[in-house]
N, C-alpha and C. Protein backbone atom coordinates (compact mmCIF):
# COMPACT_ATOMS: atom_id res chain seq x y z
N MET A 1 -12.09 -3.10 2.93
CA MET A 1 -13.34 -2.46 2.60
C MET A 1 -13.75 -1.68 3.83
N GLY A 2 -14.85 -1.96 4.40
CA GLY A 2 -15.25 -1.24 5.58
C GLY A 2 -15.68 0.19 5.29
N PHE A 3 -15.37 0.66 4.09
CA PHE A 3 -15.75 2.01 3.69
C PHE A 3 -16.68 1.98 2.48
N HIS A 4 -16.82 0.84 1.83
CA HIS A 4 -17.63 0.70 0.62
C HIS A 4 -18.48 -0.56 0.71
N GLU A 5 -19.58 -0.57 0.02
CA GLU A 5 -20.43 -1.76 -0.05
C GLU A 5 -19.83 -2.77 -1.04
N LYS A 6 -20.19 -4.03 -0.86
CA LYS A 6 -19.69 -5.07 -1.77
C LYS A 6 -20.09 -4.79 -3.22
N THR A 7 -21.26 -4.23 -3.45
CA THR A 7 -21.67 -3.94 -4.82
C THR A 7 -20.72 -2.94 -5.47
N ASP A 8 -20.17 -2.01 -4.69
CA ASP A 8 -19.18 -1.07 -5.23
C ASP A 8 -17.92 -1.80 -5.66
N ILE A 9 -17.50 -2.75 -4.86
CA ILE A 9 -16.30 -3.52 -5.18
C ILE A 9 -16.53 -4.37 -6.43
N TYR A 10 -17.69 -5.01 -6.53
CA TYR A 10 -17.99 -5.81 -7.73
C TYR A 10 -18.01 -4.94 -8.97
N ARG A 11 -18.56 -3.74 -8.86
CA ARG A 11 -18.60 -2.84 -10.00
C ARG A 11 -17.18 -2.43 -10.41
N LEU A 12 -16.32 -2.19 -9.44
CA LEU A 12 -14.93 -1.87 -9.73
C LEU A 12 -14.23 -3.05 -10.41
N HIS A 13 -14.44 -4.24 -9.91
CA HIS A 13 -13.83 -5.43 -10.51
C HIS A 13 -14.29 -5.61 -11.95
N ASP A 14 -15.57 -5.40 -12.21
CA ASP A 14 -16.08 -5.49 -13.59
C ASP A 14 -15.36 -4.50 -14.49
N TRP A 15 -15.20 -3.27 -14.00
CA TRP A 15 -14.52 -2.24 -14.78
C TRP A 15 -13.05 -2.63 -15.00
N MET A 16 -12.39 -3.13 -13.97
CA MET A 16 -10.99 -3.52 -14.07
C MET A 16 -10.79 -4.66 -15.06
N ALA A 17 -11.75 -5.56 -15.15
CA ALA A 17 -11.64 -6.70 -16.06
C ALA A 17 -11.89 -6.30 -17.51
N GLY A 18 -12.57 -5.21 -17.74
CA GLY A 18 -12.99 -4.83 -19.09
C GLY A 18 -11.87 -4.62 -20.08
N GLU A 19 -10.85 -3.87 -19.72
CA GLU A 19 -9.77 -3.57 -20.66
C GLU A 19 -8.99 -4.82 -21.08
N PRO A 20 -8.54 -5.64 -20.14
CA PRO A 20 -7.85 -6.87 -20.58
C PRO A 20 -8.75 -7.76 -21.45
N GLU A 21 -10.03 -7.86 -21.10
CA GLU A 21 -10.94 -8.68 -21.89
C GLU A 21 -11.07 -8.15 -23.31
N ALA A 22 -11.04 -6.84 -23.47
CA ALA A 22 -11.10 -6.24 -24.81
C ALA A 22 -9.87 -6.61 -25.64
N GLN A 23 -8.78 -6.98 -24.97
CA GLN A 23 -7.55 -7.39 -25.65
C GLN A 23 -7.39 -8.91 -25.70
N GLY A 24 -8.43 -9.64 -25.26
CA GLY A 24 -8.40 -11.10 -25.32
C GLY A 24 -7.78 -11.76 -24.10
N ALA A 25 -7.53 -11.00 -23.05
CA ALA A 25 -6.96 -11.56 -21.83
C ALA A 25 -8.05 -11.68 -20.77
N ARG A 26 -7.76 -12.46 -19.75
CA ARG A 26 -8.75 -12.66 -18.69
C ARG A 26 -8.05 -12.64 -17.35
N ILE A 27 -8.62 -11.95 -16.40
CA ILE A 27 -8.12 -11.95 -15.02
C ILE A 27 -8.80 -13.12 -14.33
N GLY A 28 -8.01 -14.02 -13.76
CA GLY A 28 -8.52 -15.25 -13.19
C GLY A 28 -9.35 -15.09 -11.93
N ALA A 29 -9.07 -14.09 -11.14
CA ALA A 29 -9.81 -13.90 -9.90
C ALA A 29 -9.58 -12.51 -9.37
N PHE A 30 -10.58 -12.01 -8.71
CA PHE A 30 -10.47 -10.77 -7.95
C PHE A 30 -10.73 -11.13 -6.50
N GLU A 31 -9.91 -10.64 -5.62
CA GLU A 31 -10.08 -10.89 -4.20
C GLU A 31 -10.11 -9.56 -3.47
N TYR A 32 -10.74 -9.54 -2.35
CA TYR A 32 -10.76 -8.35 -1.51
C TYR A 32 -11.04 -8.77 -0.08
N GLY A 33 -10.63 -7.92 0.84
CA GLY A 33 -10.92 -8.14 2.24
C GLY A 33 -12.05 -7.22 2.65
N PRO A 34 -13.24 -7.73 2.89
CA PRO A 34 -14.38 -6.87 3.18
C PRO A 34 -14.31 -6.18 4.54
N SER A 35 -13.47 -6.64 5.42
CA SER A 35 -13.42 -6.08 6.77
C SER A 35 -12.34 -5.02 6.88
N HIS A 36 -12.55 -4.09 7.80
CA HIS A 36 -11.55 -3.06 8.09
C HIS A 36 -11.72 -2.65 9.55
N PRO A 37 -10.65 -2.69 10.32
CA PRO A 37 -10.79 -2.39 11.75
C PRO A 37 -11.20 -0.95 12.05
N TYR A 38 -11.03 -0.04 11.09
CA TYR A 38 -11.40 1.36 11.31
C TYR A 38 -12.45 1.83 10.31
N GLY A 39 -13.15 0.89 9.68
CA GLY A 39 -14.15 1.23 8.67
C GLY A 39 -15.35 1.96 9.26
N CYS A 40 -16.24 2.35 8.37
CA CYS A 40 -17.42 3.09 8.83
C CYS A 40 -18.71 2.32 8.57
N ILE A 41 -18.62 1.11 8.03
CA ILE A 41 -19.79 0.26 7.84
C ILE A 41 -19.72 -0.84 8.91
N GLU A 42 -20.66 -0.80 9.83
CA GLU A 42 -20.56 -1.61 11.05
C GLU A 42 -20.36 -3.10 10.78
N ARG A 43 -21.08 -3.67 9.80
CA ARG A 43 -20.98 -5.13 9.58
C ARG A 43 -19.59 -5.55 9.08
N TYR A 44 -18.77 -4.62 8.61
CA TYR A 44 -17.41 -4.93 8.16
C TYR A 44 -16.35 -4.47 9.16
N LEU A 45 -16.79 -3.94 10.28
CA LEU A 45 -15.88 -3.36 11.26
C LEU A 45 -15.26 -4.45 12.13
N ARG A 46 -14.15 -4.99 11.66
CA ARG A 46 -13.45 -6.04 12.41
C ARG A 46 -12.08 -6.32 11.78
N VAL A 47 -11.24 -6.99 12.52
CA VAL A 47 -9.93 -7.43 12.04
C VAL A 47 -10.16 -8.72 11.26
N SER A 48 -9.39 -8.92 10.19
CA SER A 48 -9.59 -10.10 9.35
C SER A 48 -8.26 -10.65 8.85
N GLU A 49 -8.20 -11.94 8.69
CA GLU A 49 -7.02 -12.61 8.11
C GLU A 49 -6.87 -12.31 6.62
N ARG A 50 -7.87 -11.68 6.01
CA ARG A 50 -7.82 -11.37 4.58
C ARG A 50 -7.34 -9.94 4.31
N ARG A 51 -6.91 -9.23 5.34
CA ARG A 51 -6.38 -7.87 5.17
C ARG A 51 -4.87 -7.93 5.04
N MET A 52 -4.29 -6.95 4.35
CA MET A 52 -2.83 -6.84 4.29
C MET A 52 -2.31 -6.67 5.70
N ALA A 53 -1.31 -7.18 6.13
CA ALA A 53 -0.39 -8.13 5.55
C ALA A 53 -0.62 -9.51 6.14
N GLN A 54 -1.85 -9.85 6.37
CA GLN A 54 -2.22 -11.17 6.87
C GLN A 54 -2.26 -12.16 5.69
N PRO A 55 -2.13 -13.45 5.95
CA PRO A 55 -2.00 -14.44 4.87
C PRO A 55 -3.30 -14.96 4.27
N GLY A 56 -4.46 -14.59 4.80
CA GLY A 56 -5.71 -15.23 4.39
C GLY A 56 -6.00 -15.17 2.91
N MET A 57 -5.87 -14.02 2.29
CA MET A 57 -6.18 -13.88 0.87
C MET A 57 -5.20 -14.68 0.01
N THR A 58 -3.92 -14.65 0.37
CA THR A 58 -2.92 -15.41 -0.37
C THR A 58 -3.19 -16.90 -0.27
N ILE A 59 -3.54 -17.37 0.91
CA ILE A 59 -3.85 -18.80 1.09
C ILE A 59 -5.08 -19.18 0.26
N ASP A 60 -6.10 -18.33 0.27
CA ASP A 60 -7.29 -18.60 -0.55
C ASP A 60 -6.94 -18.70 -2.03
N LEU A 61 -6.09 -17.79 -2.51
CA LEU A 61 -5.71 -17.81 -3.93
C LEU A 61 -4.86 -19.03 -4.26
N LEU A 62 -3.97 -19.43 -3.35
CA LEU A 62 -3.18 -20.64 -3.59
C LEU A 62 -4.06 -21.88 -3.64
N ASN A 63 -5.16 -21.88 -2.90
CA ASN A 63 -6.09 -23.00 -2.97
C ASN A 63 -6.85 -23.01 -4.29
N LYS A 64 -7.16 -21.83 -4.83
CA LYS A 64 -7.86 -21.74 -6.12
C LYS A 64 -6.93 -22.03 -7.29
N PHE A 65 -5.70 -21.54 -7.18
CA PHE A 65 -4.73 -21.63 -8.27
C PHE A 65 -3.44 -22.22 -7.71
N PRO A 66 -3.39 -23.55 -7.53
CA PRO A 66 -2.20 -24.16 -6.94
C PRO A 66 -0.95 -23.85 -7.76
N GLY A 67 0.11 -23.61 -7.07
CA GLY A 67 1.39 -23.33 -7.73
C GLY A 67 2.50 -23.42 -6.72
N ASP A 68 3.69 -23.13 -7.18
CA ASP A 68 4.87 -23.18 -6.32
C ASP A 68 4.98 -21.85 -5.57
N ALA A 69 4.74 -21.89 -4.30
CA ALA A 69 4.83 -20.69 -3.47
C ALA A 69 6.06 -20.73 -2.57
N SER A 70 7.06 -21.51 -2.99
CA SER A 70 8.21 -21.72 -2.12
C SER A 70 9.23 -20.61 -2.17
N GLY A 71 9.14 -19.71 -3.12
CA GLY A 71 10.16 -18.68 -3.20
C GLY A 71 9.77 -17.57 -4.14
N GLY A 72 10.75 -16.82 -4.56
CA GLY A 72 10.52 -15.69 -5.44
C GLY A 72 10.52 -14.41 -4.65
N PRO A 73 10.62 -13.29 -5.36
CA PRO A 73 10.69 -12.02 -4.67
C PRO A 73 9.36 -11.63 -4.05
N SER A 74 9.44 -10.87 -2.99
CA SER A 74 8.22 -10.34 -2.40
C SER A 74 7.71 -9.20 -3.27
N THR A 75 6.50 -8.77 -3.02
CA THR A 75 5.94 -7.64 -3.76
C THR A 75 6.84 -6.42 -3.63
N PHE A 76 7.34 -6.17 -2.43
CA PHE A 76 8.17 -5.00 -2.22
C PHE A 76 9.51 -5.14 -2.92
N GLU A 77 10.09 -6.35 -2.91
CA GLU A 77 11.34 -6.57 -3.62
C GLU A 77 11.17 -6.38 -5.12
N ALA A 78 10.07 -6.89 -5.65
CA ALA A 78 9.80 -6.75 -7.09
C ALA A 78 9.59 -5.28 -7.44
N ALA A 79 8.88 -4.55 -6.63
CA ALA A 79 8.66 -3.12 -6.88
C ALA A 79 9.98 -2.36 -6.84
N HIS A 80 10.81 -2.67 -5.86
CA HIS A 80 12.10 -2.00 -5.74
C HIS A 80 12.97 -2.31 -6.96
N ALA A 81 12.99 -3.56 -7.41
CA ALA A 81 13.78 -3.95 -8.58
C ALA A 81 13.30 -3.23 -9.84
N ALA A 82 12.01 -2.88 -9.87
CA ALA A 82 11.46 -2.16 -11.02
C ALA A 82 11.67 -0.65 -10.90
N GLY A 83 12.31 -0.22 -9.82
CA GLY A 83 12.57 1.19 -9.64
C GLY A 83 11.44 1.97 -9.00
N LEU A 84 10.47 1.26 -8.43
CA LEU A 84 9.34 1.93 -7.78
C LEU A 84 9.68 2.23 -6.33
N PRO A 85 9.22 3.39 -5.84
CA PRO A 85 9.52 3.70 -4.45
C PRO A 85 8.68 2.85 -3.51
N GLY A 86 9.28 2.40 -2.45
CA GLY A 86 8.54 1.66 -1.43
C GLY A 86 8.16 2.60 -0.31
N ARG A 87 7.11 2.25 0.39
CA ARG A 87 6.67 3.11 1.48
C ARG A 87 5.77 2.31 2.40
N ASP A 88 6.02 2.41 3.69
CA ASP A 88 5.13 1.81 4.67
C ASP A 88 4.00 2.78 4.95
N GLY A 89 2.90 2.27 5.45
CA GLY A 89 1.82 3.14 5.85
C GLY A 89 0.54 2.84 5.11
N ILE A 90 -0.33 3.82 5.07
CA ILE A 90 -1.65 3.66 4.48
C ILE A 90 -1.58 3.96 2.99
N LEU A 91 -2.04 3.05 2.18
CA LEU A 91 -1.99 3.18 0.73
C LEU A 91 -2.62 4.48 0.26
N ARG A 92 -3.75 4.86 0.85
CA ARG A 92 -4.44 6.09 0.45
C ARG A 92 -3.50 7.29 0.55
N ASP A 93 -2.70 7.36 1.61
CA ASP A 93 -1.79 8.49 1.81
C ASP A 93 -0.69 8.52 0.76
N PHE A 94 -0.34 7.37 0.22
CA PHE A 94 0.66 7.29 -0.83
C PHE A 94 0.08 7.63 -2.19
N ILE A 95 -1.13 7.15 -2.47
CA ILE A 95 -1.74 7.29 -3.79
C ILE A 95 -2.32 8.68 -4.04
N LEU A 96 -2.98 9.29 -3.07
CA LEU A 96 -3.66 10.57 -3.31
C LEU A 96 -2.76 11.65 -3.91
N PRO A 97 -1.54 11.87 -3.40
CA PRO A 97 -0.69 12.89 -4.03
C PRO A 97 -0.34 12.55 -5.47
N LEU A 98 -0.19 11.27 -5.76
CA LEU A 98 0.12 10.87 -7.14
C LEU A 98 -1.05 11.18 -8.07
N LEU A 99 -2.27 10.95 -7.59
CA LEU A 99 -3.45 11.23 -8.40
C LEU A 99 -3.62 12.73 -8.62
N ARG A 100 -3.32 13.52 -7.63
CA ARG A 100 -3.44 14.98 -7.75
C ARG A 100 -2.43 15.55 -8.72
N ASN A 101 -1.25 14.92 -8.80
CA ASN A 101 -0.20 15.42 -9.69
C ASN A 101 -0.31 14.87 -11.09
N GLY A 102 -1.17 13.86 -11.30
CA GLY A 102 -1.28 13.21 -12.61
C GLY A 102 -2.24 13.90 -13.44
């Protein structure tokens, strides 16, 4: 975060949950890291264990939804297996060109 208020994130989560709910499905949890080391909202301007690729958010979710976390493909391995291009860097730089071309 660091660039948006929490109310913006909650509004986005509500919108994201709407379509699955209309089909009878439910998203069990939404998580986000409110801090960003280069953000523009001072109270969120910090490094956090809940930011990618730190483990904080994953650990929190495993505590909420216990399961076997001993193996399985990583997010990047799963994306590659599905034929999706992988890319290091800032997500915004990857997504913006896709949105402009869509």
